[in-house]
Amino acid sequence: VGGHICQIGALEGFDISAPAMPLMLKDVTIHGIGTGSRRALE
């Protein structure tokens, strides 16, 4: 409850889905974290 979820990167597109009720009841925060380009990683 009150936790944080960090979404790191996107390998298969940018659409997300999750059940809304547990998300709201737990007051969870979702953070998106960009990881840079493939060229930078290489």
All heavy atoms as atom14 arrays in JSON, in Angstrom:
{
  "sequence": "VGGHICQIGALEGFDISAPAMPLMLKDVTIHGIGTGSRRALE",
  "atom14_mask": [
    [1, 1, 1, 1, 1, 1, 1, 0, 0, 0, 0, 0, 0, 0],
    [1, 1, 1, 1, 0, 0, 0, 0, 0, 0, 0, 0, 0, 0],
    [1, 1, 1, 1, 0, 0, 0, 0, 0, 0, 0, 0, 0, 0],
    [1, 1, 1, 1, 1, 1, 1, 1, 1, 1, 0, 0, 0, 0],
    [1, 1, 1, 1, 1, 1, 1, 1, 0, 0, 0, 0, 0, 0],
    [1, 1, 1, 1, 1, 1, 0, 0, 0, 0, 0, 0, 0, 0],
    [1, 1, 1, 1, 1, 1, 1, 1, 1, 0, 0, 0, 0, 0],
    [1, 1, 1, 1, 1, 1, 1, 1, 0, 0, 0, 0, 0, 0],
    [1, 1, 1, 1, 0, 0, 0, 0, 0, 0, 0, 0, 0, 0],
    [1, 1, 1, 1, 1, 0, 0, 0, 0, 0, 0, 0, 0, 0],
    [1, 1, 1, 1, 1, 1, 1, 1, 0, 0, 0, 0, 0, 0],
    [1, 1, 1, 1, 1, 1, 1, 1, 1, 0, 0, 0, 0, 0],
    [1, 1, 1, 1, 0, 0, 0, 0, 0, 0, 0, 0, 0, 0],
    [1, 1, 1, 1, 1, 1, 1, 1, 1, 1, 1, 0, 0, 0],
    [1, 1, 1, 1, 1, 1, 1, 1, 0, 0, 0, 0, 0, 0],
    [1, 1, 1, 1, 1, 1, 1, 1, 0, 0, 0, 0, 0, 0],
    [1, 1, 1, 1, 1, 1, 0, 0, 0, 0, 0, 0, 0, 0],
    [1, 1, 1, 1, 1, 0, 0, 0, 0, 0, 0, 0, 0, 0],
    [1, 1, 1, 1, 1, 1, 1, 0, 0, 0, 0, 0, 0, 0],
    [1, 1, 1, 1, 1, 0, 0, 0, 0, 0, 0, 0, 0, 0],
    [1, 1, 1, 1, 1, 1, 1, 1, 0, 0, 0, 0, 0, 0],
    [1, 1, 1, 1, 1, 1, 1, 0, 0, 0, 0, 0, 0, 0],
    [1, 1, 1, 1, 1, 1, 1, 1, 0, 0, 0, 0, 0, 0],
    [1, 1, 1, 1, 1, 1, 1, 1, 0, 0, 0, 0, 0, 0],
    [1, 1, 1, 1, 1, 1, 1, 1, 0, 0, 0, 0, 0, 0],
    [1, 1, 1, 1, 1, 1, 1, 1, 1, 0, 0, 0, 0, 0],
    [1, 1, 1, 1, 1, 1, 1, 1, 0, 0, 0, 0, 0, 0],
    [1, 1, 1, 1, 1, 1, 1, 0, 0, 0, 0, 0, 0, 0],
    [1, 1, 1, 1, 1, 1, 1, 0, 0, 0, 0, 0, 0, 0],
    [1, 1, 1, 1, 1, 1, 1, 1, 0, 0, 0, 0, 0, 0],
    [1, 1, 1, 1, 1, 1, 1, 1, 1, 1, 0, 0, 0, 0],
    [1, 1, 1, 1, 0, 0, 0, 0, 0, 0, 0, 0, 0, 0],
    [1, 1, 1, 1, 1, 1, 1, 1, 0, 0, 0, 0, 0, 0],
    [1, 1, 1, 1, 0, 0, 0, 0, 0, 0, 0, 0, 0, 0],
    [1, 1, 1, 1, 1, 1, 1, 0, 0, 0, 0, 0, 0, 0],
    [1, 1, 1, 1, 0, 0, 0, 0, 0, 0, 0, 0, 0, 0],
    [1, 1, 1, 1, 1, 1, 0, 0, 0, 0, 0, 0, 0, 0],
    [1, 1, 1, 1, 1, 1, 1, 1, 1, 1, 1, 0, 0, 0],
    [1, 1, 1, 1, 1, 1, 1, 1, 1, 1, 1, 0, 0, 0],
    [1, 1, 1, 1, 1, 0, 0, 0, 0, 0, 0, 0, 0, 0],
    [1, 1, 1, 1, 1, 1, 1, 1, 0, 0, 0, 0, 0, 0],
    [1, 1, 1, 1, 1, 1, 1, 1, 1, 0, 0, 0, 0, 0]
  ],
  "atom14_positions": [
    [[0.86, -1.18, 0.0], [0.0, 0.0, 0.0], [0.9, 1.23, 0.0], [1.85, 1.32, 0.77], [-0.93, 0.0, 1.23], [-1.69, 1.31, 1.33], [-1.9, -1.18, 1.18], [0.0, 0.0, 0.0], [0.0, 0.0, 0.0], [0.0, 0.0, 0.0], [0.0, 0.0, 0.0], [0.0, 0.0, 0.0], [0.0, 0.0, 0.0], [0.0, 0.0, 0.0]],
    [[0.64, 2.16, -0.92], [1.47, 3.35, -1.05], [2.78, 3.08, -1.76], [3.66, 3.94, -1.78], [0.0, 0.0, 0.0], [0.0, 0.0, 0.0], [0.0, 0.0, 0.0], [0.0, 0.0, 0.0], [0.0, 0.0, 0.0], [0.0, 0.0, 0.0], [0.0, 0.0, 0.0], [0.0, 0.0, 0.0], [0.0, 0.0, 0.0], [0.0, 0.0, 0.0]],
    [[2.91, 1.91, -2.37], [4.16, 1.51, -3.01], [4.4, 2.21, -4.34], [3.55, 2.92, -4.86], [0.0, 0.0, 0.0], [0.0, 0.0, 0.0], [0.0, 0.0, 0.0], [0.0, 0.0, 0.0], [0.0, 0.0, 0.0], [0.0, 0.0, 0.0], [0.0, 0.0, 0.0], [0.0, 0.0, 0.0], [0.0, 0.0, 0.0], [0.0, 0.0, 0.0]],
    [[5.58, 2.0, -4.88], [5.99, 2.59, -6.15], [6.43, 1.48, -7.09], [7.15, 0.58, -6.7], [7.17, 3.56, -5.95], [6.83, 4.72, -5.09], [6.51, 5.94, -5.62], [6.72, 4.85, -3.75], [6.24, 6.78, -4.63], [6.37, 6.13, -3.49], [0.0, 0.0, 0.0], [0.0, 0.0, 0.0], [0.0, 0.0, 0.0], [0.0, 0.0, 0.0]],
    [[5.99, 1.56, -8.33], [6.41, 0.64, -9.38], [7.18, 1.45, -10.4], [6.69, 2.48, -10.88], [5.2, -0.04, -10.05], [4.44, -0.88, -9.01], [5.65, -0.89, -11.23], [3.14, -1.43, -9.52], [0.0, 0.0, 0.0], [0.0, 0.0, 0.0], [0.0, 0.0, 0.0], [0.0, 0.0, 0.0], [0.0, 0.0, 0.0], [0.0, 0.0, 0.0]],
    [[8.39, 1.02, -10.73], [9.21, 1.71, -11.72], [9.24, 0.89, -12.99], [9.76, -0.22, -13.0], [10.63, 1.91, -11.19], [10.69, 2.96, -9.72], [0.0, 0.0, 0.0], [0.0, 0.0, 0.0], [0.0, 0.0, 0.0], [0.0, 0.0, 0.0], [0.0, 0.0, 0.0], [0.0, 0.0, 0.0], [0.0, 0.0, 0.0], [0.0, 0.0, 0.0]],
    [[8.67, 1.42, -14.05], [8.69, 0.78, -15.36], [9.96, 1.23, -16.06], [10.11, 2.4, -16.39], [7.46, 1.15, -16.17], [7.51, 0.71, -17.62], [7.63, -0.8, -17.79], [7.1, -1.56, -17.0], [8.34, -1.22, -18.82], [0.0, 0.0, 0.0], [0.0, 0.0, 0.0], [0.0, 0.0, 0.0], [0.0, 0.0, 0.0], [0.0, 0.0, 0.0]],
    [[10.87, 0.29, -16.29], [12.17, 0.62, -16.87], [12.17, 0.22, -18.33], [12.17, -0.97, -18.66], [13.3, -0.09, -16.1], [13.25, 0.29, -14.63], [14.65, 0.24, -16.73], [14.17, -0.51, -13.75], [0.0, 0.0, 0.0], [0.0, 0.0, 0.0], [0.0, 0.0, 0.0], [0.0, 0.0, 0.0], [0.0, 0.0, 0.0], [0.0, 0.0, 0.0]],
    [[12.17, 1.2, -19.22], [12.24, 0.93, -20.65], [10.96, 0.34, -21.21], [9.99, 0.1, -20.5], [0.0, 0.0, 0.0], [0.0, 0.0, 0.0], [0.0, 0.0, 0.0], [0.0, 0.0, 0.0], [0.0, 0.0, 0.0], [0.0, 0.0, 0.0], [0.0, 0.0, 0.0], [0.0, 0.0, 0.0], [0.0, 0.0, 0.0], [0.0, 0.0, 0.0]],
    [[10.94, 0.14, -22.5], [9.8, -0.44, -23.2], [10.34, -1.27, -24.36], [10.86, -0.72, -25.31], [8.87, 0.64, -23.71], [0.0, 0.0, 0.0], [0.0, 0.0, 0.0], [0.0, 0.0, 0.0], [0.0, 0.0, 0.0], [0.0, 0.0, 0.0], [0.0, 0.0, 0.0], [0.0, 0.0, 0.0], [0.0, 0.0, 0.0], [0.0, 0.0, 0.0]],
    [[10.22, -2.56, -24.25], [10.75, -3.43, -25.29], [9.72, -3.81, -26.34], [10.06, -4.12, -27.46], [11.31, -4.72, -24.66], [12.48, -4.54, -23.71], [12.87, -5.88, -23.1], [13.66, -3.9, -24.41], [0.0, 0.0, 0.0], [0.0, 0.0, 0.0], [0.0, 0.0, 0.0], [0.0, 0.0, 0.0], [0.0, 0.0, 0.0], [0.0, 0.0, 0.0]],
    [[8.45, -3.8, -25.96], [7.41, -4.29, -26.86], [6.28, -3.28, -27.0], [5.11, -3.62, -26.87], [6.88, -5.63, -26.35], [7.95, -6.7, -26.32], [7.42, -8.03, -25.79], [6.2, -8.22, -25.79], [8.25, -8.85, -25.39], [0.0, 0.0, 0.0], [0.0, 0.0, 0.0], [0.0, 0.0, 0.0], [0.0, 0.0, 0.0], [0.0, 0.0, 0.0]],
    [[6.59, -2.03, -27.23], [5.55, -1.02, -27.41], [5.29, -0.24, -26.13], [5.91, -0.48, -25.1], [0.0, 0.0, 0.0], [0.0, 0.0, 0.0], [0.0, 0.0, 0.0], [0.0, 0.0, 0.0], [0.0, 0.0, 0.0], [0.0, 0.0, 0.0], [0.0, 0.0, 0.0], [0.0, 0.0, 0.0], [0.0, 0.0, 0.0], [0.0, 0.0, 0.0]],
    [[4.34, 0.67, -26.22], [4.1, 1.58, -25.11], [2.71, 1.47, -24.52], [2.33, 2.27, -23.69], [4.36, 3.02, -25.58], [5.8, 3.26, -25.93], [6.22, 3.22, -27.25], [6.74, 3.5, -24.96], [7.54, 3.42, -27.59], [8.07, 3.7, -25.28], [8.47, 3.66, -26.6], [0.0, 0.0, 0.0], [0.0, 0.0, 0.0], [0.0, 0.0, 0.0]],
    [[1.91, 0.5, -24.95], [0.58, 0.32, -24.39], [0.67, -0.51, -23.12], [1.36, -1.52, -23.07], [-0.34, -0.38, -25.39], [-0.6, 0.45, -26.63], [-0.59, 1.69, -26.51], [-0.79, -0.14, -27.71], [0.0, 0.0, 0.0], [0.0, 0.0, 0.0], [0.0, 0.0, 0.0], [0.0, 0.0, 0.0], [0.0, 0.0, 0.0], [0.0, 0.0, 0.0]],
    [[-0.05, -0.06, -22.08], [-0.07, -0.81, -20.83], [-1.51, -1.01, -20.39], [-2.4, -0.24, -20.76], [0.72, -0.09, -19.71], [0.11, 1.27, -19.38], [2.17, 0.04, -20.08], [0.69, 1.9, -18.13], [0.0, 0.0, 0.0], [0.0, 0.0, 0.0], [0.0, 0.0, 0.0], [0.0, 0.0, 0.0], [0.0, 0.0, 0.0], [0.0, 0.0, 0.0]],
    [[-1.73, -2.05, -19.59], [-3.04, -2.26, -18.98], [-2.85, -2.99, -17.67], [-1.93, -3.78, -17.51], [-3.95, -3.05, -19.92], [-3.43, -4.35, -20.11], [0.0, 0.0, 0.0], [0.0, 0.0, 0.0], [0.0, 0.0, 0.0], [0.0, 0.0, 0.0], [0.0, 0.0, 0.0], [0.0, 0.0, 0.0], [0.0, 0.0, 0.0], [0.0, 0.0, 0.0]],
    [[-3.73, -2.66, -16.74], [-3.71, -3.31, -15.43], [-5.09, -3.1, -14.82], [-5.78, -2.14, -15.16], [-2.64, -2.71, -14.53], [0.0, 0.0, 0.0], [0.0, 0.0, 0.0], [0.0, 0.0, 0.0], [0.0, 0.0, 0.0], [0.0, 0.0, 0.0], [0.0, 0.0, 0.0], [0.0, 0.0, 0.0], [0.0, 0.0, 0.0], [0.0, 0.0, 0.0]],
    [[-5.51, -3.99, -13.92], [-6.78, -3.79, -13.26], [-6.75, -2.51, -12.42], [-5.81, -2.28, -11.66], [-6.94, -5.03, -12.37], [-5.66, -5.78, -12.45], [-4.82, -5.19, -13.52], [0.0, 0.0, 0.0], [0.0, 0.0, 0.0], [0.0, 0.0, 0.0], [0.0, 0.0, 0.0], [0.0, 0.0, 0.0], [0.0, 0.0, 0.0], [0.0, 0.0, 0.0]],
    [[-7.74, -1.65, -12.61], [-7.75, -0.33, -11.96], [-8.03, -0.4, -10.46], [-7.46, 0.37, -9.68], [-8.77, 0.58, -12.63], [0.0, 0.0, 0.0], [0.0, 0.0, 0.0], [0.0, 0.0, 0.0], [0.0, 0.0, 0.0], [0.0, 0.0, 0.0], [0.0, 0.0, 0.0], [0.0, 0.0, 0.0], [0.0, 0.0, 0.0], [0.0, 0.0, 0.0]],
    [[-8.88, -1.32, -10.02], [-9.28, -1.33, -8.6], [-8.11, -1.55, -7.65], [-7.92, -0.76, -6.72], [-10.38, -2.38, -8.38], [-11.03, -2.25, -7.01], [-11.76, -0.62, -6.7], [-13.15, -0.68, -7.79], [0.0, 0.0, 0.0], [0.0, 0.0, 0.0], [0.0, 0.0, 0.0], [0.0, 0.0, 0.0], [0.0, 0.0, 0.0], [0.0, 0.0, 0.0]],
    [[-7.25, -2.59, -7.84], [-6.12, -2.73, -6.91], [-5.16, -1.55, -6.98], [-4.59, -1.15, -5.97], [-5.42, -4.02, -7.37], [-6.34, -4.7, -8.3], [-7.32, -3.69, -8.79], [0.0, 0.0, 0.0], [0.0, 0.0, 0.0], [0.0, 0.0, 0.0], [0.0, 0.0, 0.0], [0.0, 0.0, 0.0], [0.0, 0.0, 0.0], [0.0, 0.0, 0.0]],
    [[-5.02, -0.98, -8.17], [-4.14, 0.18, -8.33], [-4.63, 1.35, -7.48], [-3.86, 2.0, -6.78], [-4.11, 0.57, -9.81], [-3.11, 1.6, -10.27], [-1.7, 1.11, -10.07], [-3.34, 1.93, -11.73], [0.0, 0.0, 0.0], [0.0, 0.0, 0.0], [0.0, 0.0, 0.0], [0.0, 0.0, 0.0], [0.0, 0.0, 0.0], [0.0, 0.0, 0.0]],
    [[-5.93, 1.59, -7.49], [-6.5, 2.71, -6.73], [-6.57, 2.39, -5.24], [-6.26, 3.24, -4.41], [-7.88, 3.05, -7.26], [-7.83, 3.64, -8.66], [-9.43, 4.19, -9.28], [-10.36, 2.68, -9.33], [0.0, 0.0, 0.0], [0.0, 0.0, 0.0], [0.0, 0.0, 0.0], [0.0, 0.0, 0.0], [0.0, 0.0, 0.0], [0.0, 0.0, 0.0]],
    [[-6.99, 1.18, -4.89], [-7.13, 0.83, -3.47], [-5.79, 0.84, -2.74], [-5.72, 1.19, -1.57], [-7.78, -0.54, -3.31], [-9.26, -0.62, -3.67], [-9.75, -2.06, -3.6], [-10.1, 0.28, -2.78], [0.0, 0.0, 0.0], [0.0, 0.0, 0.0], [0.0, 0.0, 0.0], [0.0, 0.0, 0.0], [0.0, 0.0, 0.0], [0.0, 0.0, 0.0]],
    [[-4.73, 0.48, -3.45], [-3.41, 0.44, -2.83], [-2.68, 1.77, -2.93], [-1.61, 1.93, -2.36], [-2.55, -0.66, -3.47], [-2.97, -2.04, -3.08], [-2.02, -3.03, -3.72], [-1.89, -4.24, -2.87], [-0.84, -5.13, -3.37], [0.0, 0.0, 0.0], [0.0, 0.0, 0.0], [0.0, 0.0, 0.0], [0.0, 0.0, 0.0], [0.0, 0.0, 0.0]],
    [[-3.22, 2.72, -3.7], [-2.57, 4.02, -3.88], [-1.14, 3.85, -4.38], [-0.19, 4.42, -3.86], [-2.6, 4.82, -2.57], [-2.16, 6.25, -2.77], [-2.31, 6.78, -3.88], [-1.64, 6.85, -1.8], [0.0, 0.0, 0.0], [0.0, 0.0, 0.0], [0.0, 0.0, 0.0], [0.0, 0.0, 0.0], [0.0, 0.0, 0.0], [0.0, 0.0, 0.0]],
    [[-0.99, 3.03, -5.42], [0.31, 2.73, -6.01], [0.67, 3.82, -7.02], [-0.17, 4.3, -7.76], [0.28, 1.35, -6.7], [1.54, 1.1, -7.5], [0.07, 0.25, -5.68], [0.0, 0.0, 0.0], [0.0, 0.0, 0.0], [0.0, 0.0, 0.0], [0.0, 0.0, 0.0], [0.0, 0.0, 0.0], [0.0, 0.0, 0.0], [0.0, 0.0, 0.0]],
    [[1.93, 4.22, -7.04], [2.44, 5.18, -8.01], [3.31, 4.45, -9.02], [4.17, 3.65, -8.64], [3.29, 6.26, -7.3], [2.48, 6.9, -6.31], [3.79, 7.3, -8.28], [0.0, 0.0, 0.0], [0.0, 0.0, 0.0], [0.0, 0.0, 0.0], [0.0, 0.0, 0.0], [0.0, 0.0, 0.0], [0.0, 0.0, 0.0], [0.0, 0.0, 0.0]],
    [[3.08, 4.73, -10.3], [3.88, 4.13, -11.36], [4.8, 5.19, -11.95], [4.35, 6.26, -12.33], [2.98, 3.54, -12.48], [2.06, 2.49, -11.88], [3.83, 2.97, -13.61], [1.02, 1.96, -12.85], [0.0, 0.0, 0.0], [0.0, 0.0, 0.0], [0.0, 0.0, 0.0], [0.0, 0.0, 0.0], [0.0, 0.0, 0.0], [0.0, 0.0, 0.0]],
    [[6.1, 4.9, -11.99], [7.1, 5.8, -12.52], [7.67, 5.21, -13.8], [8.05, 4.05, -13.83], [8.26, 6.0, -11.54], [7.86, 6.49, -10.2], [7.7, 7.82, -9.93], [7.57, 5.83, -9.06], [7.34, 7.97, -8.67], [7.25, 6.78, -8.12], [0.0, 0.0, 0.0], [0.0, 0.0, 0.0], [0.0, 0.0, 0.0], [0.0, 0.0, 0.0]],
    [[7.75, 5.99, -14.84], [8.41, 5.56, -16.07], [9.86, 6.01, -16.07], [10.16, 7.15, -15.74], [0.0, 0.0, 0.0], [0.0, 0.0, 0.0], [0.0, 0.0, 0.0], [0.0, 0.0, 0.0], [0.0, 0.0, 0.0], [0.0, 0.0, 0.0], [0.0, 0.0, 0.0], [0.0, 0.0, 0.0], [0.0, 0.0, 0.0], [0.0, 0.0, 0.0]],
    [[10.77, 5.11, -16.41], [12.2, 5.42, -16.42], [12.74, 5.14, -17.82], [12.75, 3.98, -18.26], [12.96, 4.58, -15.37], [12.43, 4.9, -13.97], [14.47, 4.83, -15.47], [13.03, 4.04, -12.89], [0.0, 0.0, 0.0], [0.0, 0.0, 0.0], [0.0, 0.0, 0.0], [0.0, 0.0, 0.0], [0.0, 0.0, 0.0], [0.0, 0.0, 0.0]],
    [[13.17, 6.18, -18.5], [13.76, 6.02, -19.83], [15.16, 5.47, -19.72], [15.87, 5.72, -18.74], [0.0, 0.0, 0.0], [0.0, 0.0, 0.0], [0.0, 0.0, 0.0], [0.0, 0.0, 0.0], [0.0, 0.0, 0.0], [0.0, 0.0, 0.0], [0.0, 0.0, 0.0], [0.0, 0.0, 0.0], [0.0, 0.0, 0.0], [0.0, 0.0, 0.0]],
    [[15.57, 4.72, -20.72], [16.88, 4.07, -20.64], [17.85, 4.5, -21.73], [18.95, 4.0, -21.79], [16.71, 2.54, -20.72], [16.01, 2.22, -21.93], [15.96, 2.01, -19.54], [0.0, 0.0, 0.0], [0.0, 0.0, 0.0], [0.0, 0.0, 0.0], [0.0, 0.0, 0.0], [0.0, 0.0, 0.0], [0.0, 0.0, 0.0], [0.0, 0.0, 0.0]],
    [[17.45, 5.41, -22.59], [18.35, 5.84, -23.65], [18.21, 4.99, -24.9], [17.43, 4.05, -24.96], [0.0, 0.0, 0.0], [0.0, 0.0, 0.0], [0.0, 0.0, 0.0], [0.0, 0.0, 0.0], [0.0, 0.0, 0.0], [0.0, 0.0, 0.0], [0.0, 0.0, 0.0], [0.0, 0.0, 0.0], [0.0, 0.0, 0.0], [0.0, 0.0, 0.0]],
    [[19.01, 5.32, -25.87], [18.92, 4.64, -27.17], [19.77, 3.38, -27.2], [20.67, 3.19, -26.39], [19.4, 5.59, -28.28], [20.8, 5.8, -28.14], [0.0, 0.0, 0.0], [0.0, 0.0, 0.0], [0.0, 0.0, 0.0], [0.0, 0.0, 0.0], [0.0, 0.0, 0.0], [0.0, 0.0, 0.0], [0.0, 0.0, 0.0], [0.0, 0.0, 0.0]],
    [[19.5, 2.54, -28.17], [20.3, 1.33, -28.38], [21.74, 1.7, -28.7], [22.68, 1.07, -28.23], [19.69, 0.49, -29.49], [20.48, -0.77, -29.76], [19.89, -1.57, -30.91], [20.64, -2.77, -31.11], [20.22, -3.98, -30.82], [19.02, -4.15, -30.31], [20.98, -5.03, -31.04], [0.0, 0.0, 0.0], [0.0, 0.0, 0.0], [0.0, 0.0, 0.0]],
    [[21.94, 2.75, -29.51], [23.28, 3.18, -29.89], [24.08, 3.58, -28.64], [25.25, 3.23, -28.5], [23.22, 4.34, -30.87], [24.63, 4.8, -31.28], [24.61, 5.96, -32.24], [24.03, 5.52, -33.5], [23.48, 6.32, -34.39], [23.43, 7.61, -34.16], [23.01, 5.86, -35.51], [0.0, 0.0, 0.0], [0.0, 0.0, 0.0], [0.0, 0.0, 0.0]],
    [[23.44, 4.31, -27.72], [24.13, 4.72, -26.5], [24.51, 3.49, -25.66], [25.62, 3.43, -25.11], [23.26, 5.67, -25.69], [0.0, 0.0, 0.0], [0.0, 0.0, 0.0], [0.0, 0.0, 0.0], [0.0, 0.0, 0.0], [0.0, 0.0, 0.0], [0.0, 0.0, 0.0], [0.0, 0.0, 0.0], [0.0, 0.0, 0.0], [0.0, 0.0, 0.0]],
    [[23.62, 2.51, -25.59], [23.93, 1.29, -24.85], [25.09, 0.54, -25.49], [25.99, 0.06, -24.8], [22.69, 0.39, -24.78], [22.91, -0.97, -24.1], [23.37, -0.8, -22.66], [21.65, -1.81, -24.18], [0.0, 0.0, 0.0], [0.0, 0.0, 0.0], [0.0, 0.0, 0.0], [0.0, 0.0, 0.0], [0.0, 0.0, 0.0], [0.0, 0.0, 0.0]],
    [[25.1, 0.45, -26.8], [26.19, -0.23, -27.49], [27.52, 0.46, -27.24], [28.55, -0.2, -27.04], [25.9, -0.33, -28.99], [24.77, -1.3, -29.32], [24.3, -1.22, -30.76], [24.67, -0.25, -31.48], [23.56, -2.13, -31.17], [0.0, 0.0, 0.0], [0.0, 0.0, 0.0], [0.0, 0.0, 0.0], [0.0, 0.0, 0.0], [0.0, 0.0, 0.0]]
  ]
}
